[in-house]
Amino acid sequence: MAKTYTVQALGVRRQDDACLAQVVRQAPEGATQTFLAGWPLKAAAGLLLEWVTVADELLAGFAMEDATGTTSKLIDFVPALPHSDLEVEGNILVTATNATYNLLAADLFVNRTLEKGANLLGTSLPGWFIGNTATAAALQTCAFESNQAVPTDASSIPGVGDTDARIRAKLLTSACYFGAVS
């Protein structure tokens, strides 16, 4: 029977669910930032700012704490290292509209976007999700797997046909700042 997943904030995990603290780094925050823990970041003039799309800038990492809005305050972040055991876990939804989406077998091992919905987590509560298209991709799906259990089903493993499934994806080298360093 198909399951419906609760839409939750984007998560950053290690493949074996090992402690992220081992890979956390610090860098100064840019002015007037409002990003939240788990949100993607870019680097600009030595400061961390909220990432927008791969067309805007390459991914530098993911915030491990909420922004303070204070210029140059050091914040914890996990660097976006495409060849590491870092994985992004999020709901897969319809790109650009964050509408309900039913998981397909064809959603595994394919490139997908990283998207922001203005009201994803509630009215005026933005959040990030995995989009269902490959245009301007930042991720490649790698597992129908989630840390979120569904109340009506003890299994946390999404299946084909599940609604708003939480899945895992790896970072694409072409989307990452650190992947581009030569």
N, C-alpha and C. Protein backbone atom coordinates (compact mmCIF):
# COMPACT_ATOMS: atom_id res chain seq x y z
N MET A 1 0.83 -1.18 0.00
CA MET A 1 0.00 0.00 0.00
C MET A 1 0.88 1.24 0.00
N ALA A 2 0.54 2.20 -0.81
CA ALA A 2 1.32 3.43 -0.92
C ALA A 2 1.24 4.24 0.37
N LYS A 3 2.34 4.89 0.71
CA LYS A 3 2.44 5.71 1.91
C LYS A 3 2.52 7.18 1.52
N THR A 4 2.12 8.03 2.43
CA THR A 4 2.26 9.47 2.24
C THR A 4 3.21 9.98 3.32
N TYR A 5 4.26 10.64 2.87
CA TYR A 5 5.28 11.17 3.78
C TYR A 5 4.96 12.61 4.15
N THR A 6 5.30 12.98 5.38
CA THR A 6 5.16 14.35 5.83
C THR A 6 6.30 15.16 5.22
N VAL A 7 5.99 16.32 4.68
CA VAL A 7 7.03 17.19 4.13
C VAL A 7 7.79 17.81 5.30
N GLN A 8 9.10 17.59 5.31
CA GLN A 8 9.96 18.07 6.38
C GLN A 8 11.16 18.82 5.80
N ALA A 9 11.91 19.45 6.67
CA ALA A 9 13.10 20.18 6.26
C ALA A 9 14.13 19.24 5.63
N LEU A 10 14.89 19.78 4.71
CA LEU A 10 15.98 19.06 4.07
C LEU A 10 16.98 18.61 5.12
N GLY A 11 17.51 17.41 4.96
CA GLY A 11 18.50 16.91 5.89
C GLY A 11 19.81 16.60 5.18
N VAL A 12 20.89 16.71 5.88
CA VAL A 12 22.21 16.35 5.37
C VAL A 12 22.70 15.21 6.24
N ARG A 13 23.11 14.14 5.61
CA ARG A 13 23.51 12.93 6.33
C ARG A 13 24.80 12.38 5.74
N ARG A 14 25.39 11.47 6.47
CA ARG A 14 26.49 10.68 5.91
C ARG A 14 25.91 9.33 5.53
N GLN A 15 26.49 8.74 4.51
CA GLN A 15 25.95 7.51 3.95
C GLN A 15 25.69 6.44 5.00
N ASP A 16 26.60 6.29 5.92
CA ASP A 16 26.45 5.27 6.97
C ASP A 16 25.81 5.85 8.23
N ASP A 17 25.24 7.05 8.12
CA ASP A 17 24.64 7.78 9.23
C ASP A 17 25.63 8.07 10.36
N ALA A 18 26.92 8.12 10.02
CA ALA A 18 27.95 8.50 11.00
C ALA A 18 27.76 9.97 11.39
N CYS A 19 28.37 10.36 12.45
CA CYS A 19 28.25 11.70 12.99
C CYS A 19 28.78 12.75 12.01
N LEU A 20 27.95 13.76 11.72
CA LEU A 20 28.37 14.84 10.83
C LEU A 20 29.42 15.74 11.48
N ALA A 21 29.50 15.76 12.80
CA ALA A 21 30.44 16.64 13.51
C ALA A 21 31.87 16.42 13.05
N GLN A 22 32.18 15.25 12.54
CA GLN A 22 33.54 14.95 12.08
C GLN A 22 33.91 15.72 10.81
N VAL A 23 32.92 16.20 10.08
CA VAL A 23 33.21 16.90 8.82
C VAL A 23 32.80 18.37 8.83
N VAL A 24 32.30 18.86 9.96
CA VAL A 24 31.85 20.25 10.07
C VAL A 24 33.05 21.20 10.04
N ARG A 25 32.89 22.29 9.33
CA ARG A 25 33.89 23.36 9.26
C ARG A 25 33.21 24.66 9.67
N GLN A 26 34.01 25.72 9.80
CA GLN A 26 33.47 27.04 10.11
C GLN A 26 33.91 28.03 9.06
N ALA A 27 33.02 28.98 8.76
CA ALA A 27 33.32 30.07 7.84
C ALA A 27 32.44 31.25 8.22
N PRO A 28 32.85 32.47 7.82
CA PRO A 28 32.05 33.64 8.19
C PRO A 28 30.76 33.76 7.37
N GLU A 29 29.73 34.19 8.05
CA GLU A 29 28.41 34.40 7.46
C GLU A 29 28.36 35.75 6.76
N GLY A 30 27.63 35.83 5.67
CA GLY A 30 27.42 37.10 4.97
C GLY A 30 26.40 37.97 5.68
N ALA A 31 26.30 39.22 5.26
CA ALA A 31 25.38 40.18 5.88
C ALA A 31 23.92 39.79 5.64
N THR A 32 23.10 40.06 6.61
CA THR A 32 21.63 39.92 6.58
C THR A 32 21.13 38.56 6.09
N GLN A 33 21.83 37.51 6.41
CA GLN A 33 21.41 36.18 5.98
C GLN A 33 20.28 35.65 6.87
N THR A 34 19.38 34.87 6.27
CA THR A 34 18.23 34.31 7.00
C THR A 34 18.12 32.80 6.80
N PHE A 35 19.17 32.16 6.31
CA PHE A 35 19.10 30.72 6.07
C PHE A 35 18.95 29.96 7.39
N LEU A 36 18.45 28.74 7.27
CA LEU A 36 18.25 27.88 8.44
C LEU A 36 19.18 26.67 8.36
N ALA A 37 19.34 25.98 9.47
CA ALA A 37 20.15 24.77 9.49
C ALA A 37 19.64 23.79 8.42
N GLY A 38 20.56 23.21 7.67
CA GLY A 38 20.22 22.28 6.61
C GLY A 38 20.12 22.92 5.23
N TRP A 39 20.05 24.24 5.17
CA TRP A 39 19.89 24.91 3.88
C TRP A 39 21.22 24.95 3.13
N PRO A 40 21.15 24.91 1.80
CA PRO A 40 22.37 24.97 0.98
C PRO A 40 22.98 26.38 1.00
N LEU A 41 24.31 26.42 0.90
CA LEU A 41 25.05 27.67 0.96
C LEU A 41 25.97 27.83 -0.25
N LYS A 42 26.29 29.07 -0.56
CA LYS A 42 27.31 29.39 -1.56
C LYS A 42 28.36 30.25 -0.89
N ALA A 43 29.50 30.38 -1.54
CA ALA A 43 30.57 31.23 -1.04
C ALA A 43 30.69 32.45 -1.95
N ALA A 44 30.75 33.63 -1.35
CA ALA A 44 30.92 34.86 -2.13
C ALA A 44 31.80 35.80 -1.32
N ALA A 45 32.93 36.18 -1.90
CA ALA A 45 33.87 37.09 -1.25
C ALA A 45 34.27 36.59 0.14
N GLY A 46 34.43 35.27 0.28
CA GLY A 46 34.86 34.69 1.54
C GLY A 46 33.77 34.53 2.58
N LEU A 47 32.53 34.81 2.21
CA LEU A 47 31.41 34.71 3.15
C LEU A 47 30.41 33.66 2.68
N LEU A 48 29.69 33.05 3.61
CA LEU A 48 28.66 32.09 3.28
C LEU A 48 27.31 32.78 3.17
N LEU A 49 26.64 32.53 2.05
CA LEU A 49 25.33 33.10 1.77
C LEU A 49 24.39 31.97 1.37
N GLU A 50 23.10 32.22 1.43
CA GLU A 50 22.15 31.20 0.98
C GLU A 50 22.34 30.96 -0.52
N TRP A 51 22.42 29.70 -0.89
CA TRP A 51 22.53 29.28 -2.29
C TRP A 51 21.15 29.43 -2.94
N VAL A 52 21.12 29.67 -4.25
CA VAL A 52 19.84 29.82 -4.95
C VAL A 52 19.64 28.68 -5.95
N THR A 53 20.52 28.59 -6.93
CA THR A 53 20.48 27.53 -7.94
C THR A 53 21.90 27.34 -8.47
N VAL A 54 22.11 26.28 -9.25
CA VAL A 54 23.42 26.08 -9.86
C VAL A 54 23.71 27.17 -10.88
N ALA A 55 22.67 27.80 -11.42
CA ALA A 55 22.88 28.91 -12.36
C ALA A 55 23.40 30.15 -11.62
N ASP A 56 23.04 30.29 -10.34
CA ASP A 56 23.47 31.42 -9.52
C ASP A 56 24.91 31.24 -9.07
N GLU A 57 25.22 30.06 -8.52
CA GLU A 57 26.55 29.82 -7.96
C GLU A 57 26.66 28.35 -7.58
N LEU A 58 27.86 27.87 -7.44
CA LEU A 58 28.09 26.49 -7.04
C LEU A 58 27.82 26.32 -5.54
N LEU A 59 27.42 25.12 -5.15
CA LEU A 59 27.19 24.79 -3.74
C LEU A 59 28.51 24.78 -2.98
N ALA A 60 28.56 25.47 -1.86
CA ALA A 60 29.75 25.44 -1.00
C ALA A 60 29.52 24.49 0.17
N GLY A 61 28.27 24.32 0.57
CA GLY A 61 27.98 23.43 1.68
C GLY A 61 26.57 23.59 2.18
N PHE A 62 26.33 23.06 3.40
CA PHE A 62 25.02 23.11 4.02
C PHE A 62 25.17 23.63 5.44
N ALA A 63 24.31 24.58 5.81
CA ALA A 63 24.36 25.19 7.14
C ALA A 63 24.06 24.15 8.21
N MET A 64 24.80 24.19 9.29
CA MET A 64 24.55 23.32 10.43
C MET A 64 23.90 24.10 11.57
N GLU A 65 23.68 25.39 11.34
CA GLU A 65 23.00 26.23 12.32
C GLU A 65 22.29 27.35 11.57
N ASP A 66 21.33 27.97 12.20
CA ASP A 66 20.60 29.07 11.59
C ASP A 66 21.50 30.30 11.46
N ALA A 67 21.25 31.08 10.43
CA ALA A 67 21.97 32.34 10.25
C ALA A 67 21.61 33.29 11.39
N THR A 68 22.55 34.17 11.70
CA THR A 68 22.30 35.17 12.75
C THR A 68 22.02 36.55 12.17
N GLY A 69 22.34 36.73 10.88
CA GLY A 69 22.19 38.03 10.26
C GLY A 69 23.36 38.95 10.57
N THR A 70 24.39 38.40 11.19
CA THR A 70 25.56 39.18 11.60
C THR A 70 26.72 38.92 10.65
N THR A 71 27.18 39.95 9.99
CA THR A 71 28.28 39.82 9.04
C THR A 71 29.54 39.29 9.70
N SER A 72 30.13 38.30 9.08
CA SER A 72 31.41 37.70 9.46
C SER A 72 31.38 36.85 10.73
N LYS A 73 30.20 36.59 11.31
CA LYS A 73 30.14 35.67 12.45
C LYS A 73 30.45 34.27 11.92
N LEU A 74 31.32 33.55 12.59
CA LEU A 74 31.64 32.19 12.16
C LEU A 74 30.45 31.27 12.43
N ILE A 75 30.09 30.50 11.41
CA ILE A 75 29.00 29.52 11.56
C ILE A 75 29.50 28.14 11.14
N ASP A 76 28.86 27.13 11.67
CA ASP A 76 29.18 25.76 11.31
C ASP A 76 28.48 25.38 10.01
N PHE A 77 29.23 24.69 9.14
CA PHE A 77 28.64 24.19 7.91
C PHE A 77 29.35 22.91 7.50
N VAL A 78 28.68 22.11 6.69
CA VAL A 78 29.27 20.90 6.14
C VAL A 78 29.63 21.21 4.69
N PRO A 79 30.91 21.11 4.31
CA PRO A 79 31.30 21.39 2.93
C PRO A 79 30.62 20.44 1.95
N ALA A 80 30.26 20.96 0.80
CA ALA A 80 29.65 20.17 -0.27
C ALA A 80 30.77 19.45 -1.02
N LEU A 81 31.05 18.26 -0.59
CA LEU A 81 32.12 17.45 -1.19
C LEU A 81 31.47 16.33 -1.99
N PRO A 82 31.47 16.42 -3.32
CA PRO A 82 30.72 15.46 -4.14
C PRO A 82 31.22 14.03 -4.08
N HIS A 83 32.48 13.80 -3.77
CA HIS A 83 33.00 12.43 -3.76
C HIS A 83 33.14 11.88 -2.35
N SER A 84 32.37 12.42 -1.42
CA SER A 84 32.42 11.96 -0.03
C SER A 84 31.20 11.09 0.25
N ASP A 85 31.00 10.75 1.50
CA ASP A 85 29.83 9.95 1.87
C ASP A 85 28.65 10.85 2.26
N LEU A 86 28.72 12.13 1.92
CA LEU A 86 27.66 13.08 2.22
C LEU A 86 26.44 12.82 1.34
N GLU A 87 25.27 12.81 1.94
CA GLU A 87 24.02 12.65 1.20
C GLU A 87 23.01 13.68 1.68
N VAL A 88 22.15 14.07 0.76
CA VAL A 88 21.05 14.98 1.07
C VAL A 88 19.79 14.12 1.14
N GLU A 89 19.00 14.34 2.19
CA GLU A 89 17.73 13.62 2.30
C GLU A 89 16.61 14.63 2.29
N GLY A 90 15.65 14.43 1.40
CA GLY A 90 14.53 15.35 1.32
C GLY A 90 13.35 14.74 0.63
N ASN A 91 12.23 15.43 0.73
CA ASN A 91 11.04 15.00 0.02
C ASN A 91 11.22 15.28 -1.46
N ILE A 92 10.76 14.39 -2.32
CA ILE A 92 10.76 14.65 -3.75
C ILE A 92 9.38 15.17 -4.12
N LEU A 93 9.38 16.38 -4.66
CA LEU A 93 8.14 17.08 -5.00
C LEU A 93 8.23 17.63 -6.41
N VAL A 94 7.14 18.19 -6.91
CA VAL A 94 7.13 18.75 -8.26
C VAL A 94 7.98 20.02 -8.27
N THR A 95 8.95 20.07 -9.18
CA THR A 95 9.84 21.21 -9.32
C THR A 95 9.06 22.50 -9.52
N ALA A 96 9.51 23.55 -8.88
CA ALA A 96 9.01 24.93 -8.98
C ALA A 96 7.69 25.16 -8.25
N THR A 97 6.84 24.14 -8.09
CA THR A 97 5.56 24.37 -7.41
C THR A 97 5.49 23.67 -6.06
N ASN A 98 6.43 22.82 -5.77
CA ASN A 98 6.48 21.96 -4.59
C ASN A 98 5.15 21.26 -4.31
N ALA A 99 4.47 20.89 -5.41
CA ALA A 99 3.22 20.16 -5.30
C ALA A 99 3.49 18.68 -5.04
N THR A 100 2.48 17.98 -4.59
CA THR A 100 2.54 16.56 -4.30
C THR A 100 3.07 15.79 -5.51
N TYR A 101 3.89 14.78 -5.22
CA TYR A 101 4.50 13.97 -6.27
C TYR A 101 4.50 12.51 -5.84
N ASN A 102 4.19 11.63 -6.79
CA ASN A 102 4.22 10.19 -6.53
C ASN A 102 5.52 9.61 -7.07
N LEU A 103 6.26 8.94 -6.21
CA LEU A 103 7.57 8.39 -6.53
C LEU A 103 7.49 7.35 -7.66
N LEU A 104 8.41 7.46 -8.61
CA LEU A 104 8.50 6.53 -9.74
C LEU A 104 9.79 5.73 -9.64
N ALA A 105 9.81 4.55 -10.20
CA ALA A 105 11.04 3.76 -10.27
C ALA A 105 12.11 4.55 -11.03
N ALA A 106 11.68 5.33 -12.02
CA ALA A 106 12.60 6.12 -12.84
C ALA A 106 13.23 7.29 -12.08
N ASP A 107 12.84 7.50 -10.83
CA ASP A 107 13.43 8.57 -10.02
C ASP A 107 14.72 8.13 -9.33
N LEU A 108 15.11 6.89 -9.48
CA LEU A 108 16.33 6.39 -8.84
C LEU A 108 17.51 6.45 -9.81
N PHE A 109 18.65 6.90 -9.33
CA PHE A 109 19.90 7.01 -10.09
C PHE A 109 19.82 8.01 -11.24
N VAL A 110 19.10 9.10 -11.02
CA VAL A 110 18.97 10.16 -12.03
C VAL A 110 19.28 11.52 -11.40
N ASN A 111 19.64 12.47 -12.22
CA ASN A 111 19.92 13.83 -11.75
C ASN A 111 18.63 14.55 -11.42
N ARG A 112 18.66 15.32 -10.33
CA ARG A 112 17.49 16.06 -9.87
C ARG A 112 17.92 17.43 -9.36
N THR A 113 16.97 18.34 -9.32
CA THR A 113 17.20 19.69 -8.84
C THR A 113 17.08 19.76 -7.32
N LEU A 114 17.61 20.82 -6.79
CA LEU A 114 17.43 21.18 -5.38
C LEU A 114 16.62 22.46 -5.42
N GLU A 115 15.45 22.46 -4.81
CA GLU A 115 14.49 23.55 -4.94
C GLU A 115 14.09 24.12 -3.59
N LYS A 116 13.63 25.38 -3.61
CA LYS A 116 13.13 26.02 -2.40
C LYS A 116 11.67 26.37 -2.60
N GLY A 117 10.85 26.02 -1.62
CA GLY A 117 9.45 26.40 -1.63
C GLY A 117 9.19 27.43 -0.56
N ALA A 118 8.54 28.53 -0.92
CA ALA A 118 8.31 29.64 0.01
C ALA A 118 7.43 29.25 1.20
N ASN A 119 6.51 28.32 0.97
CA ASN A 119 5.59 27.89 2.03
C ASN A 119 5.66 26.38 2.24
N LEU A 120 6.82 25.80 1.98
CA LEU A 120 6.97 24.35 2.01
C LEU A 120 6.62 23.73 3.36
N LEU A 121 7.02 24.37 4.43
CA LEU A 121 6.84 23.80 5.77
C LEU A 121 5.67 24.44 6.52
N GLY A 122 4.88 25.24 5.82
CA GLY A 122 3.73 25.93 6.41
C GLY A 122 3.67 27.34 5.86
N THR A 123 2.63 28.07 6.20
CA THR A 123 2.47 29.43 5.71
C THR A 123 3.66 30.29 6.11
N SER A 124 4.31 30.87 5.12
CA SER A 124 5.50 31.72 5.29
C SER A 124 6.67 30.99 5.94
N LEU A 125 6.71 29.65 5.82
CA LEU A 125 7.81 28.85 6.34
C LEU A 125 8.50 28.15 5.17
N PRO A 126 9.56 28.79 4.63
CA PRO A 126 10.24 28.20 3.48
C PRO A 126 11.05 26.96 3.83
N GLY A 127 11.32 26.17 2.83
CA GLY A 127 12.15 24.99 3.01
C GLY A 127 12.63 24.47 1.66
N TRP A 128 13.59 23.57 1.70
CA TRP A 128 14.20 23.01 0.49
C TRP A 128 13.74 21.57 0.28
N PHE A 129 13.67 21.17 -1.00
CA PHE A 129 13.26 19.82 -1.35
C PHE A 129 13.99 19.36 -2.61
N ILE A 130 13.85 18.08 -2.93
CA ILE A 130 14.41 17.51 -4.16
C ILE A 130 13.34 17.63 -5.23
N GLY A 131 13.67 18.30 -6.33
CA GLY A 131 12.72 18.47 -7.42
C GLY A 131 12.67 17.25 -8.32
N ASN A 132 11.61 17.11 -9.07
CA ASN A 132 11.41 15.91 -9.90
C ASN A 132 11.93 16.06 -11.33
N THR A 133 12.75 17.08 -11.60
CA THR A 133 13.30 17.24 -12.95
C THR A 133 14.83 17.31 -12.90
N ALA A 134 15.43 17.20 -14.08
CA ALA A 134 16.89 17.19 -14.19
C ALA A 134 17.45 18.53 -14.66
N THR A 135 16.61 19.47 -15.03
CA THR A 135 17.09 20.77 -15.50
C THR A 135 17.79 21.50 -14.36
N ALA A 136 19.02 21.96 -14.59
CA ALA A 136 19.83 22.64 -13.57
C ALA A 136 20.02 21.75 -12.34
N ALA A 137 20.35 20.50 -12.57
CA ALA A 137 20.48 19.52 -11.49
C ALA A 137 21.67 19.81 -10.58
N ALA A 138 21.50 19.50 -9.31
CA ALA A 138 22.56 19.62 -8.31
C ALA A 138 22.83 18.28 -7.64
N LEU A 139 21.90 17.33 -7.83
CA LEU A 139 21.95 16.06 -7.12
C LEU A 139 21.73 14.88 -8.07
N GLN A 140 22.16 13.71 -7.62
CA GLN A 140 21.80 12.46 -8.28
C GLN A 140 21.21 11.54 -7.22
N THR A 141 19.99 11.10 -7.45
CA THR A 141 19.34 10.25 -6.46
C THR A 141 20.11 8.94 -6.32
N CYS A 142 20.21 8.46 -5.09
CA CYS A 142 21.01 7.26 -4.86
C CYS A 142 20.29 6.20 -4.03
N ALA A 143 19.21 6.57 -3.35
CA ALA A 143 18.52 5.57 -2.53
C ALA A 143 17.10 6.00 -2.21
N PHE A 144 16.19 5.05 -2.30
CA PHE A 144 14.86 5.25 -1.77
C PHE A 144 14.95 4.85 -0.31
N GLU A 145 15.39 5.81 0.50
CA GLU A 145 15.68 5.55 1.90
C GLU A 145 15.41 6.82 2.68
N SER A 146 14.96 6.67 3.91
CA SER A 146 14.62 7.83 4.71
C SER A 146 14.80 7.52 6.19
N ASN A 147 15.07 8.55 6.96
CA ASN A 147 15.10 8.41 8.42
C ASN A 147 13.71 8.67 9.01
N GLN A 148 12.76 9.02 8.15
CA GLN A 148 11.41 9.35 8.61
C GLN A 148 10.50 8.12 8.51
N ALA A 149 9.93 7.72 9.62
CA ALA A 149 8.94 6.64 9.61
C ALA A 149 7.56 7.25 9.37
N VAL A 150 6.73 6.51 8.66
CA VAL A 150 5.37 6.95 8.39
C VAL A 150 4.47 6.37 9.48
N PRO A 151 3.62 7.18 10.10
CA PRO A 151 2.81 6.69 11.22
C PRO A 151 1.97 5.45 10.91
N THR A 152 1.52 5.32 9.67
CA THR A 152 0.66 4.19 9.31
C THR A 152 1.45 2.98 8.83
N ASP A 153 2.78 3.08 8.83
CA ASP A 153 3.60 1.99 8.31
C ASP A 153 4.95 2.04 9.03
N ALA A 154 5.38 0.95 9.60
CA ALA A 154 6.64 0.92 10.35
C ALA A 154 7.86 1.11 9.46
N SER A 155 7.72 0.88 8.17
CA SER A 155 8.86 0.97 7.25
C SER A 155 9.20 2.43 6.94
N SER A 156 10.47 2.75 6.96
CA SER A 156 10.90 4.09 6.56
C SER A 156 11.44 4.07 5.13
N ILE A 157 11.29 2.93 4.46
CA ILE A 157 11.81 2.80 3.10
C ILE A 157 10.71 3.14 2.10
N PRO A 158 10.86 4.25 1.37
CA PRO A 158 9.86 4.62 0.38
C PRO A 158 9.79 3.62 -0.76
N GLY A 159 8.64 3.53 -1.37
CA GLY A 159 8.46 2.65 -2.51
C GLY A 159 7.79 3.39 -3.66
N VAL A 160 7.85 2.79 -4.83
CA VAL A 160 7.21 3.37 -6.00
C VAL A 160 5.73 3.58 -5.70
N GLY A 161 5.24 4.77 -6.03
CA GLY A 161 3.85 5.12 -5.78
C GLY A 161 3.63 5.91 -4.51
N ASP A 162 4.63 5.93 -3.61
CA ASP A 162 4.49 6.71 -2.38
C ASP A 162 4.40 8.20 -2.71
N THR A 163 3.64 8.92 -1.92
CA THR A 163 3.43 10.34 -2.12
C THR A 163 4.41 11.14 -1.27
N ASP A 164 5.05 12.12 -1.90
CA ASP A 164 5.98 13.04 -1.22
C ASP A 164 7.10 12.28 -0.48
N ALA A 165 7.55 11.18 -1.06
CA ALA A 165 8.56 10.32 -0.44
C ALA A 165 9.83 11.10 -0.10
N ARG A 166 10.46 10.70 0.99
CA ARG A 166 11.78 11.24 1.34
C ARG A 166 12.80 10.26 0.79
N ILE A 167 13.73 10.80 0.00
CA ILE A 167 14.76 9.97 -0.62
C ILE A 167 16.13 10.60 -0.37
N ARG A 168 17.17 9.88 -0.74
CA ARG A 168 18.54 10.39 -0.57
C ARG A 168 19.18 10.61 -1.93
N ALA A 169 20.09 11.59 -1.96
CA ALA A 169 20.78 11.94 -3.20
C ALA A 169 22.21 12.37 -2.89
N LYS A 170 23.10 12.13 -3.84
CA LYS A 170 24.50 12.55 -3.75
C LYS A 170 24.65 13.87 -4.51
N LEU A 171 25.67 14.63 -4.15
CA LEU A 171 25.95 15.89 -4.83
C LEU A 171 26.66 15.65 -6.15
N LEU A 172 26.26 16.38 -7.17
CA LEU A 172 26.95 16.31 -8.46
C LEU A 172 28.20 17.17 -8.42
N THR A 173 29.29 16.65 -8.93
CA THR A 173 30.55 17.41 -8.97
C THR A 173 30.36 18.75 -9.67
N SER A 174 29.60 18.75 -10.76
CA SER A 174 29.39 19.96 -11.55
C SER A 174 28.64 21.05 -10.79
N ALA A 175 27.99 20.70 -9.67
CA ALA A 175 27.21 21.69 -8.90
C ALA A 175 27.96 22.18 -7.68
N CYS A 176 29.11 21.60 -7.39
CA CYS A 176 29.81 21.89 -6.13
C CYS A 176 31.05 22.74 -6.31
N TYR A 177 31.17 23.73 -5.46
CA TYR A 177 32.33 24.60 -5.44
C TYR A 177 33.62 23.80 -5.24
N PHE A 178 33.60 22.90 -4.27
CA PHE A 178 34.82 22.13 -3.95
C PHE A 178 35.12 21.09 -5.01
N GLY A 179 34.11 20.65 -5.76
CA GLY A 179 34.35 19.72 -6.86
C GLY A 179 35.04 20.41 -8.03
N ALA A 180 34.85 21.74 -8.11
CA ALA A 180 35.41 22.51 -9.21
C ALA A 180 36.86 22.92 -8.98
N VAL A 181 37.36 22.76 -7.74
CA VAL A 181 38.73 23.15 -7.44
C VAL A 181 39.68 22.18 -8.13
N SER A 182 40.70 22.73 -8.80
CA SER A 182 41.65 21.84 -9.50
C SER A 182 43.04 21.95 -8.90
